[in-house]
Amino acid sequence: MPTGPFKPGDKVPETGIYTASHYQHRLPHEVFAVQGEEFPVCRRCGSRASFSLFQSVAHVDSDQDFSKSTQARKNAAAKAGLPGSD
């Protein structure tokens, strides 16, 4: 998976934390971006901003212990009194 640099208007390739770099007005800083969305234009330096992947992260709903489908299965198992439903 490419890590950048990406420009405003590019599609975010992977959900995660990106380092946002600006042109002459601000030090680099971290931002969170979601896969499939577009990197935004900076209000001050416009399309001169760039983004590089710092760390990819999974959305909490995609984690097996936190996903809605996992919770639904656990709730159904608890109602049925099945072991492992806690």
PDB file of N, CA and C in Angstrom:
ATOM      1  N   MET A   1       0.852  -1.172   0.000  1.00  0.00           N
ATOM      2  CA  MET A   1       0.000   0.000   0.000  1.00  0.00           C
ATOM      3  C   MET A   1       0.900   1.238   0.000  1.00  0.00           C
ATOM      4  N   PRO A   2       0.649   2.190  -0.876  1.00  0.00           N
ATOM      5  CA  PRO A   2       1.472   3.402  -0.891  1.00  0.00           C
ATOM      6  C   PRO A   2       1.286   4.223   0.390  1.00  0.00           C
ATOM      7  N   THR A   3       2.340   4.897   0.797  1.00  0.00           N
ATOM      8  CA  THR A   3       2.288   5.682   2.035  1.00  0.00           C
ATOM      9  C   THR A   3       2.297   7.187   1.787  1.00  0.00           C
ATOM     10  N   GLY A   4       2.410   7.607   0.545  1.00  0.00           N
ATOM     11  CA  GLY A   4       2.377   9.027   0.224  1.00  0.00           C
ATOM     12  C   GLY A   4       3.711   9.515  -0.285  1.00  0.00           C
ATOM     13  N   PRO A   5       3.806  10.786  -0.548  1.00  0.00           N
ATOM     14  CA  PRO A   5       2.859  11.809  -0.131  1.00  0.00           C
ATOM     15  C   PRO A   5       1.623  11.863  -1.032  1.00  0.00           C
ATOM     16  N   PHE A   6       0.509  12.220  -0.409  1.00  0.00           N
ATOM     17  CA  PHE A   6      -0.755  12.407  -1.110  1.00  0.00           C
ATOM     18  C   PHE A   6      -1.087  13.891  -1.100  1.00  0.00           C
ATOM     19  N   LYS A   7      -1.820  14.329  -2.085  1.00  0.00           N
ATOM     20  CA  LYS A   7      -2.197  15.736  -2.232  1.00  0.00           C
ATOM     21  C   LYS A   7      -3.680  15.918  -1.969  1.00  0.00           C
ATOM     22  N   PRO A   8      -4.106  17.142  -1.648  1.00  0.00           N
ATOM     23  CA  PRO A   8      -5.539  17.407  -1.515  1.00  0.00           C
ATOM     24  C   PRO A   8      -6.289  16.981  -2.779  1.00  0.00           C
ATOM     25  N   GLY A   9      -7.425  16.329  -2.581  1.00  0.00           N
ATOM     26  CA  GLY A   9      -8.199  15.809  -3.703  1.00  0.00           C
ATOM     27  C   GLY A   9      -7.939  14.340  -3.976  1.00  0.00           C
ATOM     28  N   ASP A  10      -6.781  13.813  -3.540  1.00  0.00           N
ATOM     29  CA  ASP A  10      -6.507  12.379  -3.685  1.00  0.00           C
ATOM     30  C   ASP A  10      -7.430  11.612  -2.742  1.00  0.00           C
ATOM     31  N   LYS A  11      -7.786  10.400  -3.157  1.00  0.00           N
ATOM     32  CA  LYS A  11      -8.575   9.523  -2.287  1.00  0.00           C
ATOM     33  C   LYS A  11      -7.674   8.932  -1.206  1.00  0.00           C
ATOM     34  N   VAL A  12      -8.185   8.876   0.014  1.00  0.00           N
ATOM     35  CA  VAL A  12      -7.452   8.265   1.113  1.00  0.00           C
ATOM     36  C   VAL A  12      -7.381   6.767   0.843  1.00  0.00           C
ATOM     37  N   PRO A  13      -6.170   6.196   0.699  1.00  0.00           N
ATOM     38  CA  PRO A  13      -6.059   4.785   0.344  1.00  0.00           C
ATOM     39  C   PRO A  13      -6.304   3.815   1.498  1.00  0.00           C
ATOM     40  N   GLU A  14      -6.114   4.300   2.719  1.00  0.00           N
ATOM     41  CA  GLU A  14      -6.190   3.414   3.878  1.00  0.00           C
ATOM     42  C   GLU A  14      -6.559   4.248   5.110  1.00  0.00           C
ATOM     43  N   THR A  15      -7.515   3.773   5.900  1.00  0.00           N
ATOM     44  CA  THR A  15      -7.890   4.485   7.111  1.00  0.00           C
ATOM     45  C   THR A  15      -6.706   4.511   8.068  1.00  0.00           C
ATOM     46  N   GLY A  16      -6.427   5.687   8.618  1.00  0.00           N
ATOM     47  CA  GLY A  16      -5.320   5.759   9.546  1.00  0.00           C
ATOM     48  C   GLY A  16      -4.956   7.170   9.940  1.00  0.00           C
ATOM     49  N   ILE A  17      -3.820   7.266  10.574  1.00  0.00           N
ATOM     50  CA  ILE A  17      -3.275   8.540  11.013  1.00  0.00           C
ATOM     51  C   ILE A  17      -2.245   8.973   9.973  1.00  0.00           C
ATOM     52  N   TYR A  18      -2.409  10.194   9.493  1.00  0.00           N
ATOM     53  CA  TYR A  18      -1.529  10.750   8.470  1.00  0.00           C
ATOM     54  C   TYR A  18      -0.813  11.971   9.021  1.00  0.00           C
ATOM     55  N   THR A  19       0.415  12.172   8.570  1.00  0.00           N
ATOM     56  CA  THR A  19       1.123  13.396   8.882  1.00  0.00           C
ATOM     57  C   THR A  19       0.760  14.407   7.811  1.00  0.00           C
ATOM     58  N   ALA A  20       0.178  15.527   8.236  1.00  0.00           N
ATOM     59  CA  ALA A  20      -0.175  16.608   7.322  1.00  0.00           C
ATOM     60  C   ALA A  20       0.963  17.618   7.327  1.00  0.00           C
ATOM     61  N   SER A  21       1.469  17.931   6.142  1.00  0.00           N
ATOM     62  CA  SER A  21       2.545  18.913   6.004  1.00  0.00           C
ATOM     63  C   SER A  21       2.008  20.108   5.223  1.00  0.00           C
ATOM     64  N   HIS A  22       2.364  21.304   5.681  1.00  0.00           N
ATOM     65  CA  HIS A  22       1.870  22.541   5.085  1.00  0.00           C
ATOM     66  C   HIS A  22       3.004  23.304   4.431  1.00  0.00           C
ATOM     67  N   TYR A  23       2.644  24.313   3.677  1.00  0.00           N
ATOM     68  CA  TYR A  23       3.618  25.159   2.999  1.00  0.00           C
ATOM     69  C   TYR A  23       3.814  26.449   3.784  1.00  0.00           C
ATOM     70  N   GLN A  24       4.882  26.548   4.527  1.00  0.00           N
ATOM     71  CA  GLN A  24       5.392  27.748   5.174  1.00  0.00           C
ATOM     72  C   GLN A  24       4.560  28.347   6.305  1.00  0.00           C
ATOM     73  N   HIS A  25       3.486  27.741   6.764  1.00  0.00           N
ATOM     74  CA  HIS A  25       2.736  28.417   7.815  1.00  0.00           C
ATOM     75  C   HIS A  25       2.488  27.568   9.050  1.00  0.00           C
ATOM     76  N   ARG A  26       2.786  26.277   9.012  1.00  0.00           N
ATOM     77  CA  ARG A  26       2.498  25.424  10.151  1.00  0.00           C
ATOM     78  C   ARG A  26       3.430  24.219  10.138  1.00  0.00           C
ATOM     79  N   LEU A  27       3.794  23.763  11.319  1.00  0.00           N
ATOM     80  CA  LEU A  27       4.622  22.561  11.411  1.00  0.00           C
ATOM     81  C   LEU A  27       3.775  21.328  11.085  1.00  0.00           C
ATOM     82  N   PRO A  28       4.417  20.241  10.636  1.00  0.00           N
ATOM     83  CA  PRO A  28       3.659  19.011  10.375  1.00  0.00           C
ATOM     84  C   PRO A  28       2.923  18.546  11.630  1.00  0.00           C
ATOM     85  N   HIS A  29       1.766  17.937  11.429  1.00  0.00           N
ATOM     86  CA  HIS A  29       0.950  17.441  12.539  1.00  0.00           C
ATOM     87  C   HIS A  29       0.167  16.229  12.067  1.00  0.00           C
ATOM     88  N   GLU A  30      -0.370  15.459  13.001  1.00  0.00           N
ATOM     89  CA  GLU A  30      -1.102  14.241  12.663  1.00  0.00           C
ATOM     90  C   GLU A  30      -2.598  14.528  12.550  1.00  0.00           C
ATOM     91  N   VAL A  31      -3.215  13.850  11.584  1.00  0.00           N
ATOM     92  CA  VAL A  31      -4.663  13.914  11.360  1.00  0.00           C
ATOM     93  C   VAL A  31      -5.171  12.502  11.102  1.00  0.00           C
ATOM     94  N   PHE A  32      -6.463  12.291  11.306  1.00  0.00           N
ATOM     95  CA  PHE A  32      -7.093  10.999  11.050  1.00  0.00           C
ATOM     96  C   PHE A  32      -7.866  11.098   9.739  1.00  0.00           C
ATOM     97  N   ALA A  33      -7.709  10.126   8.855  1.00  0.00           N
ATOM     98  CA  ALA A  33      -8.409  10.123   7.574  1.00  0.00           C
ATOM     99  C   ALA A  33      -9.016   8.741   7.327  1.00  0.00           C
ATOM    100  N   VAL A  34     -10.188   8.720   6.683  1.00  0.00           N
ATOM    101  CA  VAL A  34     -10.936   7.493   6.442  1.00  0.00           C
ATOM    102  C   VAL A  34     -10.813   7.078   4.976  1.00  0.00           C
ATOM    103  N   GLN A  35     -10.554   5.793   4.759  1.00  0.00           N
ATOM    104  CA  GLN A  35     -10.397   5.246   3.412  1.00  0.00           C
ATOM    105  C   GLN A  35     -11.584   5.625   2.534  1.00  0.00           C
ATOM    106  N   GLY A  36     -11.271   6.071   1.313  1.00  0.00           N
ATOM    107  CA  GLY A  36     -12.301   6.411   0.338  1.00  0.00           C
ATOM    108  C   GLY A  36     -12.689   7.873   0.329  1.00  0.00           C
ATOM    109  N   GLU A  37     -12.433   8.586   1.423  1.00  0.00           N
ATOM    110  CA  GLU A  37     -12.699  10.022   1.445  1.00  0.00           C
ATOM    111  C   GLU A  37     -11.558  10.740   0.726  1.00  0.00           C
ATOM    112  N   GLU A  38     -11.726  12.032   0.456  1.00  0.00           N
ATOM    113  CA  GLU A  38     -10.669  12.813  -0.184  1.00  0.00           C
ATOM    114  C   GLU A  38      -9.888  13.590   0.859  1.00  0.00           C
ATOM    115  N   PHE A  39      -8.564  13.695   0.624  1.00  0.00           N
ATOM    116  CA  PHE A  39      -7.767  14.571   1.464  1.00  0.00           C
ATOM    117  C   PHE A  39      -8.210  16.003   1.180  1.00  0.00           C
ATOM    118  N   PRO A  40      -8.370  16.813   2.231  1.00  0.00           N
ATOM    119  CA  PRO A  40      -8.889  18.172   2.039  1.00  0.00           C
ATOM    120  C   PRO A  40      -7.814  19.180   1.619  1.00  0.00           C
ATOM    121  N   VAL A  41      -8.292  20.301   1.089  1.00  0.00           N
ATOM    122  CA  VAL A  41      -7.443  21.434   0.759  1.00  0.00           C
ATOM    123  C   VAL A  41      -7.241  22.246   2.041  1.00  0.00           C
ATOM    124  N   CYS A  42      -6.054  22.747   2.265  1.00  0.00           N
ATOM    125  CA  CYS A  42      -5.775  23.601   3.426  1.00  0.00           C
ATOM    126  C   CYS A  42      -6.332  24.998   3.159  1.00  0.00           C
ATOM    127  N   ARG A  43      -6.924  25.596   4.177  1.00  0.00           N
ATOM    128  CA  ARG A  43      -7.489  26.947   4.033  1.00  0.00           C
ATOM    129  C   ARG A  43      -6.417  28.000   3.796  1.00  0.00           C
ATOM    130  N   ARG A  44      -5.188  27.725   4.242  1.00  0.00           N
ATOM    131  CA  ARG A  44      -4.126  28.734   4.098  1.00  0.00           C
ATOM    132  C   ARG A  44      -3.177  28.440   2.956  1.00  0.00           C
ATOM    133  N   CYS A  45      -2.744  27.195   2.810  1.00  0.00           N
ATOM    134  CA  CYS A  45      -1.756  26.917   1.751  1.00  0.00           C
ATOM    135  C   CYS A  45      -2.347  26.142   0.581  1.00  0.00           C
ATOM    136  N   GLY A  46      -3.669  25.951   0.599  1.00  0.00           N
ATOM    137  CA  GLY A  46      -4.357  25.344  -0.541  1.00  0.00           C
ATOM    138  C   GLY A  46      -3.889  23.942  -0.861  1.00  0.00           C
ATOM    139  N   SER A  47      -3.603  23.719  -2.131  1.00  0.00           N
ATOM    140  CA  SER A  47      -3.219  22.378  -2.574  1.00  0.00           C
ATOM    141  C   SER A  47      -1.734  22.103  -2.378  1.00  0.00           C
ATOM    142  N   ARG A  48      -1.034  23.011  -1.716  1.00  0.00           N
ATOM    143  CA  ARG A  48       0.383  22.774  -1.406  1.00  0.00           C
ATOM    144  C   ARG A  48       0.552  21.865  -0.191  1.00  0.00           C
ATOM    145  N   ALA A  49      -0.530  21.593   0.520  1.00  0.00           N
ATOM    146  CA  ALA A  49      -0.463  20.663   1.651  1.00  0.00           C
ATOM    147  C   ALA A  49      -0.229  19.250   1.116  1.00  0.00           C
ATOM    148  N   SER A  50       0.321  18.386   1.955  1.00  0.00           N
ATOM    149  CA  SER A  50       0.502  16.982   1.580  1.00  0.00           C
ATOM    150  C   SER A  50       0.281  16.105   2.805  1.00  0.00           C
ATOM    151  N   PHE A  51       0.034  14.828   2.546  1.00  0.00           N
ATOM    152  CA  PHE A  51      -0.289  13.860   3.601  1.00  0.00           C
ATOM    153  C   PHE A  51       0.514  12.587   3.380  1.00  0.00           C
ATOM    154  N   SER A  52       1.075  12.063   4.457  1.00  0.00           N
ATOM    155  CA  SER A  52       1.810  10.791   4.409  1.00  0.00           C
ATOM    156  C   SER A  52       1.300   9.889   5.519  1.00  0.00           C
ATOM    157  N   LEU A  53       1.119   8.615   5.190  1.00  0.00           N
ATOM    158  CA  LEU A  53       0.608   7.666   6.170  1.00  0.00           C
ATOM    159  C   LEU A  53       1.611   7.503   7.314  1.00  0.00           C
ATOM    160  N   PHE A  54       1.150   7.756   8.530  1.00  0.00           N
ATOM    161  CA  PHE A  54       1.956   7.577   9.730  1.00  0.00           C
ATOM    162  C   PHE A  54       1.690   6.199  10.325  1.00  0.00           C
ATOM    163  N   GLN A  55       0.387   5.845  10.446  1.00  0.00           N
ATOM    164  CA  GLN A  55       0.012   4.538  10.990  1.00  0.00           C
ATOM    165  C   GLN A  55      -1.388   4.184  10.509  1.00  0.00           C
ATOM    166  N   SER A  56      -1.524   3.007   9.918  1.00  0.00           N
ATOM    167  CA  SER A  56      -2.862   2.561   9.535  1.00  0.00           C
ATOM    168  C   SER A  56      -3.580   2.037  10.778  1.00  0.00           C
ATOM    169  N   VAL A  57      -4.880   2.240  10.816  1.00  0.00           N
ATOM    170  CA  VAL A  57      -5.682   1.780  11.948  1.00  0.00           C
ATOM    171  C   VAL A  57      -6.998   1.227  11.417  1.00  0.00           C
ATOM    172  N   ALA A  58      -7.562   0.295  12.162  1.00  0.00           N
ATOM    173  CA  ALA A  58      -8.852  -0.281  11.798  1.00  0.00           C
ATOM    174  C   ALA A  58      -9.956   0.473  12.527  1.00  0.00           C
ATOM    175  N   HIS A  59     -11.086   0.620  11.881  1.00  0.00           N
ATOM    176  CA  HIS A  59     -12.249   1.212  12.528  1.00  0.00           C
ATOM    177  C   HIS A  59     -12.719   0.256  13.612  1.00  0.00           C
ATOM    178  N   VAL A  60     -13.198   0.784  14.721  1.00  0.00           N
ATOM    179  CA  VAL A  60     -13.613  -0.043  15.855  1.00  0.00           C
ATOM    180  C   VAL A  60     -14.681  -1.065  15.439  1.00  0.00           C
ATOM    181  N   ASP A  61     -15.548  -0.721  14.509  1.00  0.00           N
ATOM    182  CA  ASP A  61     -16.578  -1.664  14.063  1.00  0.00           C
ATOM    183  C   ASP A  61     -16.013  -2.869  13.318  1.00  0.00           C
ATOM    184  N   SER A  62     -14.772  -2.769  12.827  1.00  0.00           N
ATOM    185  CA  SER A  62     -14.185  -3.908  12.121  1.00  0.00           C
ATOM    186  C   SER A  62     -13.424  -4.841  13.055  1.00  0.00           C
ATOM    187  N   ASP A  63     -13.273  -4.466  14.325  1.00  0.00           N
ATOM    188  CA  ASP A  63     -12.601  -5.305  15.310  1.00  0.00           C
ATOM    189  C   ASP A  63     -13.562  -6.398  15.789  1.00  0.00           C
ATOM    190  N   GLN A  64     -13.084  -7.623  15.872  1.00  0.00           N
ATOM    191  CA  GLN A  64     -13.953  -8.753  16.214  1.00  0.00           C
ATOM    192  C   GLN A  64     -14.603  -8.622  17.587  1.00  0.00           C
ATOM    193  N   ASP A  65     -13.972  -7.932  18.510  1.00  0.00           N
ATOM    194  CA  ASP A  65     -14.541  -7.797  19.843  1.00  0.00           C
ATOM    195  C   ASP A  65     -15.500  -6.625  19.984  1.00  0.00           C
ATOM    196  N   PHE A  66     -15.526  -5.728  18.998  1.00  0.00           N
ATOM    197  CA  PHE A  66     -16.366  -4.548  19.099  1.00  0.00           C
ATOM    198  C   PHE A  66     -17.393  -4.421  17.982  1.00  0.00           C
ATOM    199  N   SER A  67     -17.322  -5.258  16.960  1.00  0.00           N
ATOM    200  CA  SER A  67     -18.234  -5.121  15.828  1.00  0.00           C
ATOM    201  C   SER A  67     -19.669  -5.377  16.252  1.00  0.00           C
ATOM    202  N   LYS A  68     -20.584  -4.752  15.547  1.00  0.00           N
ATOM    203  CA  LYS A  68     -22.000  -4.885  15.871  1.00  0.00           C
ATOM    204  C   LYS A  68     -22.483  -6.315  15.677  1.00  0.00           C
ATOM    205  N   SER A  69     -21.972  -7.004  14.647  1.00  0.00           N
ATOM    206  CA  SER A  69     -22.401  -8.389  14.424  1.00  0.00           C
ATOM    207  C   SER A  69     -21.912  -9.309  15.541  1.00  0.00           C
ATOM    208  N   THR A  70     -20.702  -9.048  16.068  1.00  0.00           N
ATOM    209  CA  THR A  70     -20.195  -9.839  17.188  1.00  0.00           C
ATOM    210  C   THR A  70     -21.052  -9.607  18.417  1.00  0.00           C
ATOM    211  N   GLN A  71     -21.408  -8.354  18.691  1.00  0.00           N
ATOM    212  CA  GLN A  71     -22.249  -8.037  19.841  1.00  0.00           C
ATOM    213  C   GLN A  71     -23.617  -8.701  19.715  1.00  0.00           C
ATOM    214  N   ALA A  72     -24.172  -8.716  18.512  1.00  0.00           N
ATOM    215  CA  ALA A  72     -25.480  -9.340  18.308  1.00  0.00           C
ATOM    216  C   ALA A  72     -25.410 -10.840  18.587  1.00  0.00           C
ATOM    217  N   ARG A  73     -24.327 -11.499  18.142  1.00  0.00           N
ATOM    218  CA  ARG A  73     -24.166 -12.942  18.403  1.00  0.00           C
ATOM    219  C   ARG A  73     -24.019 -13.201  19.902  1.00  0.00           C
ATOM    220  N   LYS A  74     -23.229 -12.364  20.578  1.00  0.00           N
ATOM    221  CA  LYS A  74     -23.039 -12.544  22.022  1.00  0.00           C
ATOM    222  C   LYS A  74     -24.346 -12.326  22.769  1.00  0.00           C
ATOM    223  N   ASN A  75     -25.119 -11.328  22.374  1.00  0.00           N
ATOM    224  CA  ASN A  75     -26.403 -11.074  23.024  1.00  0.00           C
ATOM    225  C   ASN A  75     -27.354 -12.245  22.827  1.00  0.00           C
ATOM    226  N   ALA A  76     -27.386 -12.797  21.612  1.00  0.00           N
ATOM    227  CA  ALA A  76     -28.257 -13.934  21.324  1.00  0.00           C
ATOM    228  C   ALA A  76     -27.812 -15.153  22.131  1.00  0.00           C
ATOM    229  N   ALA A  77     -26.500 -15.372  22.245  1.00  0.00           N
ATOM    230  CA  ALA A  77     -25.983 -16.502  23.010  1.00  0.00           C
ATOM    231  C   ALA A  77     -26.307 -16.334  24.495  1.00  0.00           C
ATOM    232  N   ALA A  78     -26.195 -15.108  24.991  1.00  0.00           N
ATOM    233  CA  ALA A  78     -26.503 -14.856  26.402  1.00  0.00           C
ATOM    234  C   ALA A  78     -27.975 -15.138  26.690  1.00  0.00           C
ATOM    235  N   LYS A  79     -28.849 -14.727  25.787  1.00  0.00           N
ATOM    236  CA  LYS A  79     -30.284 -14.968  25.966  1.00  0.00           C
ATOM    237  C   LYS A  79     -30.587 -16.454  25.958  1.00  0.00           C
ATOM    238  N   ALA A  80     -29.806 -17.205  25.152  1.00  0.00           N
ATOM    239  CA  ALA A  80     -30.023 -18.643  25.062  1.00  0.00           C
ATOM    240  C   ALA A  80     -29.310 -19.403  26.184  1.00  0.00           C
ATOM    241  N   GLY A  81     -28.484 -18.686  26.968  1.00  0.00           N
ATOM    242  CA  GLY A  81     -27.765 -19.326  28.074  1.00  0.00           C
ATOM    243  C   GLY A  81     -26.591 -20.165  27.617  1.00  0.00           C
ATOM    244  N   LEU A  82     -26.023 -19.852  26.445  1.00  0.00           N
ATOM    245  CA  LEU A  82     -24.900 -20.626  25.918  1.00  0.00           C
ATOM    246  C   LEU A  82     -23.606 -20.187  26.576  1.00  0.00           C
ATOM    247  N   PRO A  83     -22.649 -21.139  26.754  1.00  0.00           N
ATOM    248  CA  PRO A  83     -21.340 -20.772  27.325  1.00  0.00           C
ATOM    249  C   PRO A  83     -20.580 -19.863  26.366  1.00  0.00           C
ATOM    250  N   GLY A  84     -19.714 -19.021  26.923  1.00  0.00           N
ATOM    251  CA  GLY A  84     -18.889 -18.125  26.109  1.00  0.00           C
ATOM    252  C   GLY A  84     -19.627 -16.866  25.689  1.00  0.00           C
ATOM    253  N   SER A  85     -20.739 -16.586  26.325  1.00  0.00           N
ATOM    254  CA  SER A  85     -21.528 -15.425  25.928  1.00  0.00           C
ATOM    255  C   SER A  85     -21.195 -14.191  26.764  1.00  0.00           C
ATOM    256  N   ASP A  86     -20.144 -14.290  27.606  1.00  0.00           N
ATOM    257  CA  ASP A  86     -19.806 -13.128  28.430  1.00  0.00           C
ATOM    258  C   ASP A  86     -18.695 -12.317  27.860  1.00  0.00           C
TER     259      ASP A  86
END
